[in-house]
Every structure is written in C-alpha cells, then in structure tokens.
C-alpha cells in the first residue's frame, strides 16, 4: 500500500504557508523551512485549485504535488498573476 497526499511549496514562511493551506482546506501533516524564504507543507489531501488559491494569497509562485498511492503525481503550478499549469 502506498502513500496518498500532497505537498505545497511557496515563497512564504512556514507559519504563513500553514495558515494559507488551512484557508483553502488543506489539513497540514508536516512542514519544512527550505531556506531563502521558501517553505513546504505536506498534507493528506489536496483540494482542486489549491495552487492558484495559495498563489493569490501569498502573492508569489506556488507549486503543489498531489500523489496517489505513491504511483502517480499531479503537479500544479500557479503565479499570483493567475498563470497556472497542471501536469501528470
């Protein structure tokens, strides 16, 4: 049995990213300060549009990955200006 969940990376502090993730419905399982003003949070599920919502809230680019059973990942990127992209 694999892992299910996701990760969000943004140019924000861990505290800010936890707060922003909660606002878009992401329950946070863990976090990490990546340095240079970038942080990551891990969560058990990823609501649709999380990257775009976080980018608007942080005012900076956001990258999210939703992974299913450790077999496939859906990568979504967004900028605060509204550009988005999604790949599998």
C-alpha atoms as a PDB file:
ATOM      1  CA  UNK A   1       0.000   0.000   0.000  1.00  0.00           C
ATOM      2  CA  UNK A   2       1.394   3.388  -0.993  1.00  0.00           C
ATOM      3  CA  UNK A   3       1.089   6.903   0.274  1.00  0.00           C
ATOM      4  CA  UNK A   4      -1.628   9.376  -0.620  1.00  0.00           C
ATOM      5  CA  UNK A   5      -1.420  13.107  -0.063  1.00  0.00           C
ATOM      6  CA  UNK A   6       0.348  16.138  -1.314  1.00  0.00           C
ATOM      7  CA  UNK A   7       2.960  18.803  -0.863  1.00  0.00           C
ATOM      8  CA  UNK A   8       2.814  22.543  -1.434  1.00  0.00           C
ATOM      9  CA  UNK A   9       5.918  24.719  -1.868  1.00  0.00           C
ATOM     10  CA  UNK A  10       5.677  28.506  -1.774  1.00  0.00           C
ATOM     11  CA  UNK A  11       7.698  31.631  -1.155  1.00  0.00           C
ATOM     12  CA  UNK A  12       6.323  32.181   2.351  1.00  0.00           C
ATOM     13  CA  UNK A  13       7.234  31.369   5.932  1.00  0.00           C
ATOM     14  CA  UNK A  14       6.165  28.016   7.354  1.00  0.00           C
ATOM     15  CA  UNK A  15       3.623  29.783   9.579  1.00  0.00           C
ATOM     16  CA  UNK A  16       2.184  31.716   6.641  1.00  0.00           C
ATOM     17  CA  UNK A  17       2.026  28.625   4.446  1.00  0.00           C
ATOM     18  CA  UNK A  18       0.285  26.617   7.185  1.00  0.00           C
ATOM     19  CA  UNK A  19      -2.272  29.419   7.586  1.00  0.00           C
ATOM     20  CA  UNK A  20      -2.808  29.764   3.835  1.00  0.00           C
ATOM     21  CA  UNK A  21      -3.110  25.992   3.386  1.00  0.00           C
ATOM     22  CA  UNK A  22      -5.770  25.861   6.101  1.00  0.00           C
ATOM     23  CA  UNK A  23      -7.719  28.630   4.361  1.00  0.00           C
ATOM     24  CA  UNK A  24      -8.020  26.542   1.168  1.00  0.00           C
ATOM     25  CA  UNK A  25      -8.900  23.372   3.043  1.00  0.00           C
ATOM     26  CA  UNK A  26      -5.544  21.592   3.303  1.00  0.00           C
ATOM     27  CA  UNK A  27      -5.012  19.789   6.594  1.00  0.00           C
ATOM     28  CA  UNK A  28      -1.258  20.007   7.260  1.00  0.00           C
ATOM     29  CA  UNK A  29       0.669  16.872   8.310  1.00  0.00           C
ATOM     30  CA  UNK A  30       4.164  18.405   8.371  1.00  0.00           C
ATOM     31  CA  UNK A  31       6.221  21.362   7.267  1.00  0.00           C
ATOM     32  CA  UNK A  32       9.752  22.402   6.405  1.00  0.00           C
ATOM     33  CA  UNK A  33      11.665  25.663   6.004  1.00  0.00           C
ATOM     34  CA  UNK A  34      13.530  25.295   2.697  1.00  0.00           C
ATOM     35  CA  UNK A  35      15.616  28.456   3.100  1.00  0.00           C
ATOM     36  CA  UNK A  36      15.689  31.608   1.030  1.00  0.00           C
ATOM     37  CA  UNK A  37      12.137  32.462   2.069  1.00  0.00           C
ATOM     38  CA  UNK A  38      10.691  29.189   0.682  1.00  0.00           C
ATOM     39  CA  UNK A  39       8.709  26.667   2.729  1.00  0.00           C
ATOM     40  CA  UNK A  40       6.855  23.417   2.174  1.00  0.00           C
ATOM     41  CA  UNK A  41       3.890  21.754   3.836  1.00  0.00           C
ATOM     42  CA  UNK A  42       2.664  18.184   3.480  1.00  0.00           C
ATOM     43  CA  UNK A  43      -0.990  17.287   3.729  1.00  0.00           C
ATOM     44  CA  UNK A  44      -3.264  14.239   3.442  1.00  0.00           C
ATOM     45  CA  UNK A  45      -5.308  15.582   0.518  1.00  0.00           C
ATOM     46  CA  UNK A  46      -5.256  18.444  -1.966  1.00  0.00           C
ATOM     47  CA  UNK A  47      -8.381  20.364  -2.915  1.00  0.00           C
ATOM     48  CA  UNK A  48      -8.718  21.380  -6.562  1.00  0.00           C
ATOM     49  CA  UNK A  49      -7.310  24.810  -7.229  1.00  0.00           C
ATOM     50  CA  UNK A  50      -5.049  24.808  -4.158  1.00  0.00           C
ATOM     51  CA  UNK A  51      -2.019  26.137  -6.067  1.00  0.00           C
ATOM     52  CA  UNK A  52      -3.948  29.070  -7.551  1.00  0.00           C
ATOM     53  CA  UNK A  53      -5.564  29.943  -4.226  1.00  0.00           C
ATOM     54  CA  UNK A  54      -2.233  29.808  -2.391  1.00  0.00           C
ATOM     55  CA  UNK A  55      -0.509  31.887  -5.087  1.00  0.00           C
ATOM     56  CA  UNK A  56      -3.167  34.587  -4.841  1.00  0.00           C
ATOM     57  CA  UNK A  57      -2.893  34.585  -1.043  1.00  0.00           C
ATOM     58  CA  UNK A  58       0.917  34.601  -0.858  1.00  0.00           C
ATOM     59  CA  UNK A  59       1.493  36.897  -3.842  1.00  0.00           C
ATOM     60  CA  UNK A  60       4.230  34.512  -5.011  1.00  0.00           C
ATOM     61  CA  UNK A  61       4.589  31.399  -7.183  1.00  0.00           C
ATOM     62  CA  UNK A  62       3.330  28.114  -5.711  1.00  0.00           C
ATOM     63  CA  UNK A  63       3.978  24.515  -6.692  1.00  0.00           C
ATOM     64  CA  UNK A  64       1.794  21.659  -5.454  1.00  0.00           C
ATOM     65  CA  UNK A  65       2.030  17.919  -5.984  1.00  0.00           C
ATOM     66  CA  UNK A  66      -0.829  15.537  -5.251  1.00  0.00           C
ATOM     67  CA  UNK A  67       0.307  11.928  -5.198  1.00  0.00           C
ATOM     68  CA  UNK A  68      -1.891   8.858  -5.412  1.00  0.00           C
ATOM     69  CA  UNK A  69      -0.840   5.553  -3.873  1.00  0.00           C
ATOM     70  CA  UNK A  70       2.828   6.520  -4.448  1.00  0.00           C
ATOM     71  CA  UNK A  71       2.292   5.697  -8.136  1.00  0.00           C
ATOM     72  CA  UNK A  72       1.365   8.959  -9.817  1.00  0.00           C
ATOM     73  CA  UNK A  73       1.707  12.634  -9.025  1.00  0.00           C
ATOM     74  CA  UNK A  74      -0.273  15.580 -10.307  1.00  0.00           C
ATOM     75  CA  UNK A  75       1.888  18.711 -10.349  1.00  0.00           C
ATOM     76  CA  UNK A  76       0.200  22.092 -10.386  1.00  0.00           C
ATOM     77  CA  UNK A  77       1.961  25.449 -10.546  1.00  0.00           C
ATOM     78  CA  UNK A  78       0.455  28.900 -10.228  1.00  0.00           C
ATOM     79  CA  UNK A  79       1.549  32.516 -10.077  1.00  0.00           C
ATOM     80  CA  UNK A  80      -0.145  35.355  -8.258  1.00  0.00           C
ATOM     81  CA  UNK A  81      -0.897  36.911 -11.668  1.00  0.00           C
ATOM     82  CA  UNK A  82      -3.166  33.965 -12.494  1.00  0.00           C
ATOM     83  CA  UNK A  83      -0.990  31.772 -14.727  1.00  0.00           C
ATOM     84  CA  UNK A  84      -1.450  28.076 -13.968  1.00  0.00           C
ATOM     85  CA  UNK A  85      -0.282  24.745 -15.299  1.00  0.00           C
ATOM     86  CA  UNK A  86      -1.060  21.149 -14.402  1.00  0.00           C
ATOM     87  CA  UNK A  87       0.848  18.006 -15.356  1.00  0.00           C
ATOM     88  CA  UNK A  88       0.693  14.349 -14.505  1.00  0.00           C
END
